[in-house]
Protein backbone atom coordinates (compact mmCIF):
# COMPACT_ATOMS: atom_id res chain seq x y z
CA MET A 1 -27.89 -1.07 27.80
CA GLN A 2 -24.62 -1.46 25.98
CA ASP A 3 -25.32 -5.01 25.28
CA VAL A 4 -28.88 -4.56 24.05
CA ALA A 5 -27.25 -2.13 21.06
CA ILE A 6 -24.60 -4.35 20.23
CA SER A 7 -27.15 -6.74 19.72
CA SER A 8 -29.31 -4.75 17.90
CA GLN A 9 -26.40 -3.71 15.99
CA THR A 10 -25.57 -7.22 15.04
CA SER A 11 -29.04 -8.28 14.21
CA SER A 12 -29.70 -5.34 11.66
CA ARG A 13 -26.38 -6.38 9.65
CA SER A 14 -26.66 -10.27 9.96
CA PHE A 15 -30.02 -9.51 8.46
CA VAL A 16 -28.79 -6.84 5.61
CA LEU A 17 -26.14 -9.41 4.85
CA ILE A 18 -28.75 -12.04 4.09
CA ALA A 19 -31.49 -10.28 2.59
CA GLY A 20 -29.05 -8.49 0.44
CA PRO A 21 -27.50 -11.66 -1.79
CA LEU A 22 -31.23 -13.05 -1.53
CA LEU A 23 -32.64 -9.91 -3.23
CA TYR A 24 -29.98 -10.19 -5.57
CA CYS A 25 -30.38 -13.54 -6.57
CA GLY A 26 -34.05 -13.30 -7.34
CA ALA A 27 -33.75 -9.98 -9.20
CA PHE A 28 -31.23 -11.82 -11.41
CA ALA A 29 -33.43 -14.65 -11.72
CA ILE A 30 -36.42 -12.38 -12.80
CA LEU A 31 -34.17 -10.87 -15.68
CA LEU A 32 -33.44 -14.03 -16.93
CA GLY A 33 -37.00 -14.15 -18.69
CA ASN A 34 -36.11 -11.01 -20.35
CA LYS A 35 -34.40 -11.83 -24.02
CA ASN A 36 -32.59 -8.52 -23.91
CA PHE A 37 -31.00 -8.76 -20.96
CA GLU A 38 -27.21 -10.11 -21.27
CA ALA A 39 -26.51 -12.44 -18.17
CA ALA A 40 -22.59 -12.58 -18.77
CA GLY A 41 -22.23 -8.75 -18.58
CA ALA A 42 -24.13 -8.89 -15.12
CA VAL A 43 -21.68 -11.57 -14.11
CA VAL A 44 -18.68 -9.28 -15.34
CA VAL A 45 -20.59 -6.31 -13.38
CA LEU A 46 -20.79 -8.60 -10.25
CA VAL A 47 -17.21 -9.75 -10.41
CA VAL A 48 -15.79 -6.90 -10.88
CA PHE A 49 -17.94 -4.05 -9.25
CA GLY A 50 -18.92 -6.56 -6.28
CA ILE A 51 -15.69 -8.56 -5.34
CA VAL A 52 -12.68 -7.55 -7.12
CA LEU A 53 -12.74 -3.80 -6.55
CA PRO A 54 -14.32 -3.62 -2.93
CA LEU A 55 -11.78 -6.02 -2.02
CA ILE A 56 -8.99 -3.91 -3.35
CA ALA A 57 -10.62 -0.74 -1.79
CA TRP A 58 -10.84 -3.06 1.85
CA VAL A 59 -7.19 -3.99 1.58
CA ALA A 60 -6.10 -0.57 0.71
CA THR A 61 -7.92 1.21 3.22
CA ARG A 62 -6.73 -1.21 6.52
CA HIS A 63 -4.30 1.57 7.64
CA ALA A 64 -6.78 4.79 6.59
CA ILE A 65 -7.82 6.52 9.59
CA PRO A 66 -11.01 8.00 8.93
CA LEU A 67 -12.02 11.26 9.06
CA SER A 68 -14.52 12.66 12.44
CA ILE A 69 -17.90 13.52 11.33
CA SER A 70 -21.24 13.66 13.30
CA SER A 71 -24.23 11.78 11.78
CA GLN A 72 -27.47 12.17 13.96
CA SER A 73 -29.50 8.97 14.08
CA GLY A 74 -32.82 10.67 14.77
CA THR A 75 -36.38 9.58 13.03
CA PRO A 76 -37.21 13.05 11.56
CA GLU A 77 -33.68 12.96 9.89
CA LEU A 78 -34.55 9.32 8.28
CA ILE A 79 -38.14 10.40 7.50
CA LEU A 80 -36.79 13.52 5.65
CA LEU A 81 -34.01 11.68 3.88
CA ILE A 82 -36.23 9.03 2.34
CA ALA A 83 -38.88 11.65 1.27
CA TYR A 84 -36.03 13.69 -0.14
CA VAL A 85 -34.93 10.55 -2.24
CA VAL A 86 -38.39 9.82 -3.40
CA ALA A 87 -38.80 13.36 -4.94
CA VAL A 88 -35.39 13.00 -6.66
CA SER A 89 -36.13 9.67 -7.93
CA LEU A 90 -39.58 11.25 -9.21
CA TYR A 91 -37.72 14.51 -10.73
CA LEU A 92 -35.47 11.99 -12.52
CA ILE A 93 -38.71 10.74 -14.64
CA GLY A 94 -38.81 14.14 -16.65
CA GLY A 95 -37.69 17.03 -14.32
CA PRO A 96 -34.58 18.11 -15.99
CA GLN A 97 -36.36 17.68 -19.51
CA TRP A 98 -39.17 19.84 -18.28
CA ILE A 99 -36.57 22.53 -17.36
CA ASP A 100 -34.63 22.28 -20.82
CA GLN A 101 -38.22 22.92 -22.60
CA HIS A 102 -38.64 26.49 -20.72
CA LEU A 103 -35.25 27.68 -21.43
CA PRO A 104 -34.15 29.64 -24.18
CA ARG A 105 -33.79 27.49 -27.40
CA GLU A 106 -30.12 29.11 -28.24
CA TRP A 107 -28.96 27.92 -24.73
CA THR A 108 -30.21 24.18 -25.48
CA GLU A 109 -29.17 24.13 -29.08
CA SER A 110 -25.33 24.93 -27.63
CA GLN A 111 -23.43 22.25 -26.36
CA GLN A 112 -21.28 23.81 -24.38
CA ILE A 113 -24.11 25.84 -22.51
CA LYS A 114 -26.10 22.91 -22.10
CA SER A 115 -23.57 21.04 -20.36
CA VAL A 116 -23.17 23.84 -17.69
CA ILE A 117 -26.87 24.15 -17.42
CA THR A 118 -26.99 20.37 -17.03
CA LEU A 119 -24.40 20.50 -14.37
CA ALA A 120 -26.12 23.38 -12.66
CA LYS A 121 -29.26 21.26 -12.04
CA LYS A 122 -27.13 18.47 -10.69
CA LEU A 123 -25.50 20.57 -8.20
CA PHE A 124 -28.68 22.45 -7.30
CA VAL A 125 -30.68 19.01 -6.58
CA PHE A 126 -28.23 16.71 -5.24
CA VAL A 127 -25.67 19.06 -3.09
CA ALA A 128 -27.14 22.49 -2.58
CA ILE A 129 -30.72 21.60 -1.31
CA PRO A 130 -29.85 18.29 0.52
CA PHE A 131 -26.99 20.26 2.35
CA ALA A 132 -29.31 23.39 3.13
CA ILE A 133 -31.91 21.24 4.42
CA PHE A 134 -29.60 19.29 7.14
CA ARG A 135 -27.67 22.57 7.37
CA PHE A 136 -30.87 24.28 8.68
CA CYS A 137 -32.95 21.82 10.27
CA PHE A 138 -30.30 19.72 11.67
CA GLY A 139 -27.36 21.97 12.18
CA TYR A 140 -25.13 19.73 10.15
CA ARG A 141 -21.69 21.85 8.63
CA LEU A 142 -19.57 20.80 5.83
CA ARG A 143 -16.98 18.74 7.87
CA ASP A 144 -19.68 16.54 8.54
CA PHE A 145 -20.18 15.55 4.60
CA GLY A 146 -16.29 14.60 4.70
CA ILE A 147 -15.27 18.07 3.29
CA GLN A 148 -12.38 19.12 5.34
CA ARG A 149 -9.05 20.36 5.17
CA ARG A 150 -7.92 17.12 7.14
CA GLY A 151 -9.25 15.32 4.17
CA LEU A 152 -6.70 17.09 2.01
CA ARG A 153 -3.81 16.43 3.81
CA ALA A 154 -5.03 12.84 4.26
CA LEU A 155 -4.46 12.49 0.71
CA CYS A 156 -0.85 12.73 0.92
CA GLY A 157 -1.07 10.19 3.86
CA GLY A 158 -3.46 7.07 4.84
CA HIS A 159 -5.64 8.16 2.26
CA LEU A 160 -3.75 8.20 -0.61
CA PRO A 161 -3.26 4.42 -1.12
CA VAL A 162 -7.01 3.71 -1.78
CA VAL A 163 -7.02 6.52 -4.37
CA LEU A 164 -4.05 5.24 -6.30
CA ALA A 165 -5.20 1.45 -6.01
CA VAL A 166 -9.02 1.87 -6.93
CA GLY A 167 -8.46 4.48 -9.24
CA GLY A 168 -5.80 2.88 -10.97
CA ALA A 169 -7.94 -0.32 -11.28
CA PHE A 170 -10.76 1.71 -12.80
CA LEU A 171 -8.59 3.28 -15.41
CA ALA A 172 -7.39 -0.33 -15.98
CA PHE A 173 -10.48 -1.68 -16.48
CA GLN A 174 -12.11 0.88 -18.43
CA TYR A 175 -8.88 1.11 -20.93
CA PHE A 176 -8.67 -2.88 -21.31
CA VAL A 177 -12.19 -4.14 -20.77
CA SER A 178 -14.86 -1.55 -21.17
CA ASN A 179 -16.67 -0.20 -24.37
CA GLY A 180 -15.55 3.34 -23.01
CA GLY A 181 -11.79 2.47 -23.08
CA ALA A 182 -12.24 0.92 -26.30
CA ALA A 183 -14.01 4.18 -27.92
CA PHE A 184 -10.93 6.22 -26.16
CA ARG A 185 -8.55 3.86 -28.14
CA ARG A 186 -9.99 4.12 -31.68
CA GLU A 187 -10.35 8.03 -31.56
CA HIS A 188 -7.15 10.32 -32.77
CA PHE A 189 -6.63 12.87 -30.50
CA THR A 190 -4.32 15.92 -30.87
CA ALA A 191 -1.54 16.62 -28.40
CA PHE A 192 -3.08 20.07 -27.31
CA GLN A 193 -6.16 17.83 -26.67
CA MET A 194 -4.41 15.21 -24.35
CA LEU A 195 -2.62 17.86 -22.47
CA VAL A 196 -5.07 20.50 -22.12
CA GLY A 197 -8.36 18.30 -22.55
CA LEU A 198 -7.63 15.38 -20.20
CA PRO A 199 -7.04 17.80 -16.89
CA SER A 200 -9.99 19.53 -17.91
CA CYS A 201 -12.25 16.40 -18.56
CA PHE A 202 -11.06 15.34 -14.77
CA ILE A 203 -11.65 18.57 -13.42
CA TRP A 204 -15.35 18.77 -14.81
CA LEU A 205 -16.09 15.11 -13.76
CA LEU A 206 -14.74 15.85 -10.34
CA LEU A 207 -18.11 18.08 -10.09
CA GLU A 208 -20.60 16.31 -12.28
CA VAL A 209 -19.90 13.14 -11.01
CA GLY A 210 -17.45 13.24 -8.17
CA LEU A 211 -19.04 15.86 -5.84
CA VAL A 212 -22.77 15.24 -7.12
CA GLU A 213 -23.07 11.37 -6.66
CA GLU A 214 -20.42 11.11 -3.97
CA PHE A 215 -21.99 13.88 -1.93
CA PHE A 216 -25.43 12.55 -2.08
CA PHE A 217 -25.12 8.87 -2.05
CA ARG A 218 -22.49 8.41 -0.06
CA ALA A 219 -21.78 11.45 2.39
CA LEU A 220 -25.66 11.78 2.89
CA VAL A 221 -27.64 9.00 2.28
CA GLN A 222 -25.08 6.19 3.76
CA SER A 223 -24.20 8.57 6.40
CA GLN A 224 -27.72 8.70 7.74
CA LEU A 225 -28.49 4.99 7.02
CA ALA A 226 -25.27 3.60 9.05
CA ALA A 227 -26.41 6.09 12.05
CA ALA A 228 -29.87 4.74 11.77
CA PHE A 229 -28.97 1.40 11.73
CA LYS A 230 -25.90 1.68 13.86
CA SER A 231 -24.15 -0.08 11.17
CA GLU A 232 -21.64 0.76 8.62
CA VAL A 233 -22.17 -2.59 6.48
CA SER A 234 -25.99 -1.86 6.70
CA GLY A 235 -25.16 1.80 5.38
CA ILE A 236 -23.29 0.35 2.57
CA VAL A 237 -25.92 -2.25 1.38
CA LEU A 238 -28.93 -0.24 1.55
CA MET A 239 -27.06 3.05 0.16
CA SER A 240 -26.22 0.84 -2.79
CA LEU A 241 -29.84 -0.38 -3.11
CA ILE A 242 -31.17 3.19 -3.27
CA PHE A 243 -28.63 4.33 -5.62
CA GLY A 244 -30.16 1.90 -8.19
CA LEU A 245 -33.08 1.95 -7.61
CA ALA A 246 -33.15 5.70 -7.94
CA HIS A 247 -32.79 4.78 -11.56
CA ALA A 248 -35.34 2.51 -12.21
CA PRO A 249 -38.01 5.21 -12.80
CA GLY A 250 -35.81 6.30 -15.91
CA PHE A 251 -35.83 2.93 -17.44
CA ILE A 252 -39.62 2.72 -17.54
CA PHE A 253 -40.63 6.41 -18.66
CA ARG A 254 -37.65 7.48 -20.22
CA TYR A 255 -36.49 4.80 -22.42
CA ALA A 256 -33.43 4.57 -20.89
CA GLY A 257 -33.71 0.97 -20.56
CA GLU A 258 -33.11 0.67 -24.37
CA LEU A 259 -29.58 2.00 -23.63
CA GLU A 260 -29.10 -0.50 -20.69
CA GLY A 261 -30.33 -3.69 -22.79
CA LEU A 262 -33.58 -4.00 -21.40
CA GLY A 263 -35.55 -3.21 -24.47
CA PRO A 264 -37.42 0.17 -25.19
CA HIS A 265 -40.40 -0.72 -22.97
CA PRO A 266 -39.06 -3.21 -19.73
CA SER A 267 -41.68 -3.65 -17.25
CA ALA A 268 -41.34 -2.12 -13.84
CA LEU A 269 -40.21 -5.46 -12.43
CA ASP A 270 -37.61 -5.95 -14.78
CA ALA A 271 -36.33 -2.48 -14.18
CA VAL A 272 -36.02 -2.55 -10.67
CA ALA A 273 -34.39 -5.87 -10.80
CA TYR A 274 -32.01 -4.25 -13.49
CA SER A 275 -31.55 -1.63 -10.88
CA ILE A 276 -30.55 -4.10 -8.39
CA VAL A 277 -28.45 -6.58 -10.53
CA VAL A 278 -26.14 -4.07 -11.93
CA LEU A 279 -26.23 -0.54 -10.61
CA ALA A 280 -26.89 -1.14 -7.13
CA VAL A 281 -23.68 -3.30 -7.32
CA SER A 282 -21.39 -0.59 -8.89
CA GLY A 283 -22.13 1.20 -5.69
CA ILE A 284 -20.54 -1.03 -3.18
CA THR A 285 -16.90 0.14 -3.55
CA PHE A 286 -17.33 3.65 -3.51
CA GLY A 287 -19.55 2.67 -0.24
CA ILE A 288 -16.41 0.69 1.06
CA ILE A 289 -14.11 3.87 0.71
CA TRP A 290 -16.87 5.99 2.27
CA ALA A 291 -16.90 3.89 5.39
CA ARG A 292 -13.32 3.76 5.91
CA THR A 293 -12.20 6.98 5.15
CA LYS A 294 -15.24 9.71 5.53
CA ASN A 295 -13.19 11.50 2.93
CA LEU A 296 -15.36 13.04 0.34
CA PHE A 297 -11.99 14.17 -1.80
CA ALA A 298 -10.95 10.82 -1.78
CA LEU A 299 -14.05 9.63 -3.25
CA MET A 300 -14.33 12.41 -5.96
CA ILE A 301 -11.27 11.95 -7.43
CA ILE A 302 -11.52 8.08 -7.71
CA HIS A 303 -14.98 8.44 -9.26
CA ALA A 304 -14.02 10.92 -11.79
CA THR A 305 -10.75 8.86 -12.54
CA GLY A 306 -12.98 5.95 -13.36
CA ASP A 307 -15.41 8.28 -15.52
CA LEU A 308 -12.32 9.70 -17.61
CA LEU A 309 -11.98 7.68 -20.52
CA PRO A 310 -15.88 7.03 -21.37
CA ASN A 311 -16.58 10.83 -21.32
CA PHE A 312 -13.51 12.15 -22.71
CA GLY A 313 -14.66 11.80 -26.10
CA SER A 314 -17.63 13.48 -25.80
CA PHE A 315 -16.17 16.39 -24.13
CA ILE A 316 -13.56 17.09 -26.22
CA HIS A 317 -16.23 17.54 -28.75
CA ALA A 318 -18.24 19.88 -26.98
CA TRP A 319 -15.43 22.13 -25.81
CA PHE A 320 -12.49 21.97 -28.12
């Protein structure tokens, strides 16, 4: 019986490792037909986020001991997870904008109040609701999502190297390579803005991107997929794919494709292909860290660090 389980795990992992690169190559080939697509930029994303940073994450977690969590692998959990991911993808098409239209005008015209409302919507949709579903339907606890006191202690021990190595690599990339870092270097910030604004922005990002995205895509989606397929590798690849595809409706219906270099009206095929080639790849590093630490606090810190420089200017303009 154990041999059958091992064989099934190996087969699913092998299938994912073969299908993943083939899917990526097919999506890349599709995008080459889009005149707005920048192939060189996609190659940089592949090298940095698909190879270099995952390798750093893997090396930095060689001696990390993962936290003990419980993930059930039943069919009801998987069906409910898939249904909720679909619901969230549909919500992202126009749900946040619909909510804003029904709020008092003075709220939406204030950048500070609007930021708080946006954060509240994200926490509700990506953290509170899914946690409540899995808590009351299947008995999950906060510790099963990587929120443990041991996780805080591990930040001073075996999980510290990956936080420093990957967080530092993200900062270096954003400062020296990305456009977000260039904007940070060009602007002139006061000493007060730097001393108070940087830690304030970091704390904000711990919640807005760290808790929101890492809880949903890694602690929930990846854990459930890894348990269902009995393979951490399968969980990482499938989670990254879902992470990317969740953005595809926005490219089609909310004109987000123009911001991503796809043109104002990308086809559904181009939107899906871009989601795979660019966005799905960016989730691999965090997937590896979650698989090898199960520490949500570590992921929150790394994610907030990576988003700090690109978001600092807008945060200062809104709050200072």
